[in-house]
């Protein structure tokens, strides 16, 4: 999804993720939404950032479940 330019800078926002639901003797659920943002910072320079959330739950063994956030950011140089 392209965001309308602000002061001549066009950013790109990407949304998505994964979802898995397993039924049966070991019913479990895994969910991973993500959001990415890329903003041009100059000629051939982009500032990128990303957020992901990991969540796993097991209905039979509750101690196996987990949830966590992951944030990443960086600069991309291209030719």
C-alpha atoms as a PDB file:
ATOM      1  CA  UNK A   1       0.000   0.000   0.000  1.00  0.00           C
ATOM      2  CA  UNK A   2       1.518   3.314  -1.018  1.00  0.00           C
ATOM      3  CA  UNK A   3       0.931   6.236   1.311  1.00  0.00           C
ATOM      4  CA  UNK A   4       0.199   9.610  -0.326  1.00  0.00           C
ATOM      5  CA  UNK A   5       3.352  11.772  -0.531  1.00  0.00           C
ATOM      6  CA  UNK A   6       3.981  14.301   2.215  1.00  0.00           C
ATOM      7  CA  UNK A   7       6.353  17.076   1.131  1.00  0.00           C
ATOM      8  CA  UNK A   8       7.369  14.997  -1.893  1.00  0.00           C
ATOM      9  CA  UNK A   9       8.242  11.861   0.116  1.00  0.00           C
ATOM     10  CA  UNK A  10       6.244   8.724  -0.748  1.00  0.00           C
ATOM     11  CA  UNK A  11       6.303   6.009   1.921  1.00  0.00           C
ATOM     12  CA  UNK A  12       5.233   2.385   1.481  1.00  0.00           C
ATOM     13  CA  UNK A  13       3.266   0.492   4.144  1.00  0.00           C
ATOM     14  CA  UNK A  14       2.925  -3.304   3.994  1.00  0.00           C
ATOM     15  CA  UNK A  15       0.552  -5.272   6.227  1.00  0.00           C
ATOM     16  CA  UNK A  16       0.224  -9.050   6.409  1.00  0.00           C
ATOM     17  CA  UNK A  17       0.985 -12.087   8.472  1.00  0.00           C
ATOM     18  CA  UNK A  18       0.300 -15.762   9.082  1.00  0.00           C
ATOM     19  CA  UNK A  19      -2.348 -17.736  10.927  1.00  0.00           C
ATOM     20  CA  UNK A  20      -2.428 -21.490  11.555  1.00  0.00           C
ATOM     21  CA  UNK A  21      -5.152 -23.272  13.525  1.00  0.00           C
ATOM     22  CA  UNK A  22      -4.668 -26.980  14.135  1.00  0.00           C
ATOM     23  CA  UNK A  23      -7.501 -29.122  15.524  1.00  0.00           C
ATOM     24  CA  UNK A  24      -7.327 -32.666  16.850  1.00  0.00           C
ATOM     25  CA  UNK A  25      -5.516 -34.294  19.750  1.00  0.00           C
ATOM     26  CA  UNK A  26      -2.899 -31.530  19.926  1.00  0.00           C
ATOM     27  CA  UNK A  27      -4.993 -28.480  19.128  1.00  0.00           C
ATOM     28  CA  UNK A  28      -2.813 -25.398  18.735  1.00  0.00           C
ATOM     29  CA  UNK A  29      -2.903 -21.908  17.294  1.00  0.00           C
ATOM     30  CA  UNK A  30      -0.082 -19.815  15.773  1.00  0.00           C
ATOM     31  CA  UNK A  31      -0.532 -16.165  14.814  1.00  0.00           C
ATOM     32  CA  UNK A  32       2.059 -13.791  13.316  1.00  0.00           C
ATOM     33  CA  UNK A  33       0.848 -10.375  12.117  1.00  0.00           C
ATOM     34  CA  UNK A  34       3.407  -7.987  10.642  1.00  0.00           C
ATOM     35  CA  UNK A  35       3.698  -4.379   9.520  1.00  0.00           C
ATOM     36  CA  UNK A  36       6.513  -2.877   7.429  1.00  0.00           C
ATOM     37  CA  UNK A  37       7.188   0.761   6.633  1.00  0.00           C
ATOM     38  CA  UNK A  38       9.687   2.022   4.041  1.00  0.00           C
ATOM     39  CA  UNK A  39      10.414   5.751   3.805  1.00  0.00           C
ATOM     40  CA  UNK A  40      12.810   7.310   1.268  1.00  0.00           C
ATOM     41  CA  UNK A  41      15.471   9.301   3.136  1.00  0.00           C
ATOM     42  CA  UNK A  42      17.355  10.552   0.090  1.00  0.00           C
ATOM     43  CA  UNK A  43      18.449   9.447  -3.363  1.00  0.00           C
ATOM     44  CA  UNK A  44      18.943   5.652  -3.210  1.00  0.00           C
ATOM     45  CA  UNK A  45      18.557   5.653   0.603  1.00  0.00           C
ATOM     46  CA  UNK A  46      15.556   4.133   2.393  1.00  0.00           C
ATOM     47  CA  UNK A  47      14.721   3.877   6.070  1.00  0.00           C
ATOM     48  CA  UNK A  48      12.935   0.579   6.754  1.00  0.00           C
ATOM     49  CA  UNK A  49      11.217  -0.569   9.921  1.00  0.00           C
ATOM     50  CA  UNK A  50       9.256  -3.710  10.724  1.00  0.00           C
ATOM     51  CA  UNK A  51       7.105  -5.033  13.576  1.00  0.00           C
ATOM     52  CA  UNK A  52       6.080  -8.662  14.102  1.00  0.00           C
ATOM     53  CA  UNK A  53       4.182 -10.334  16.888  1.00  0.00           C
ATOM     54  CA  UNK A  54       4.537 -14.048  17.466  1.00  0.00           C
ATOM     55  CA  UNK A  55       1.879 -15.897  19.394  1.00  0.00           C
ATOM     56  CA  UNK A  56       1.536 -19.634  19.956  1.00  0.00           C
ATOM     57  CA  UNK A  57      -0.951 -21.379  22.204  1.00  0.00           C
ATOM     58  CA  UNK A  58      -1.511 -25.049  22.898  1.00  0.00           C
ATOM     59  CA  UNK A  59      -4.816 -26.055  24.490  1.00  0.00           C
ATOM     60  CA  UNK A  60      -3.468 -29.247  26.085  1.00  0.00           C
ATOM     61  CA  UNK A  61      -0.032 -28.061  27.303  1.00  0.00           C
ATOM     62  CA  UNK A  62      -0.418 -24.430  28.360  1.00  0.00           C
ATOM     63  CA  UNK A  63       3.261 -24.113  29.377  1.00  0.00           C
ATOM     64  CA  UNK A  64       4.292 -24.473  25.709  1.00  0.00           C
ATOM     65  CA  UNK A  65       2.572 -21.236  24.694  1.00  0.00           C
ATOM     66  CA  UNK A  66       4.469 -17.998  24.107  1.00  0.00           C
ATOM     67  CA  UNK A  67       3.966 -14.447  22.861  1.00  0.00           C
ATOM     68  CA  UNK A  68       6.612 -11.928  21.864  1.00  0.00           C
ATOM     69  CA  UNK A  69       7.129  -8.711  19.889  1.00  0.00           C
ATOM     70  CA  UNK A  70       9.949  -8.184  17.395  1.00  0.00           C
ATOM     71  CA  UNK A  71      10.990  -4.715  16.195  1.00  0.00           C
ATOM     72  CA  UNK A  72      13.595  -4.144  13.469  1.00  0.00           C
ATOM     73  CA  UNK A  73      14.853  -1.010  11.811  1.00  0.00           C
ATOM     74  CA  UNK A  74      17.619  -0.208   9.368  1.00  0.00           C
ATOM     75  CA  UNK A  75      18.864   1.789   6.414  1.00  0.00           C
ATOM     76  CA  UNK A  76      18.921   0.379   2.868  1.00  0.00           C
ATOM     77  CA  UNK A  77      21.385   1.753   0.321  1.00  0.00           C
ATOM     78  CA  UNK A  78      20.776   1.003  -3.354  1.00  0.00           C
ATOM     79  CA  UNK A  79      22.358   1.965  -6.644  1.00  0.00           C
END
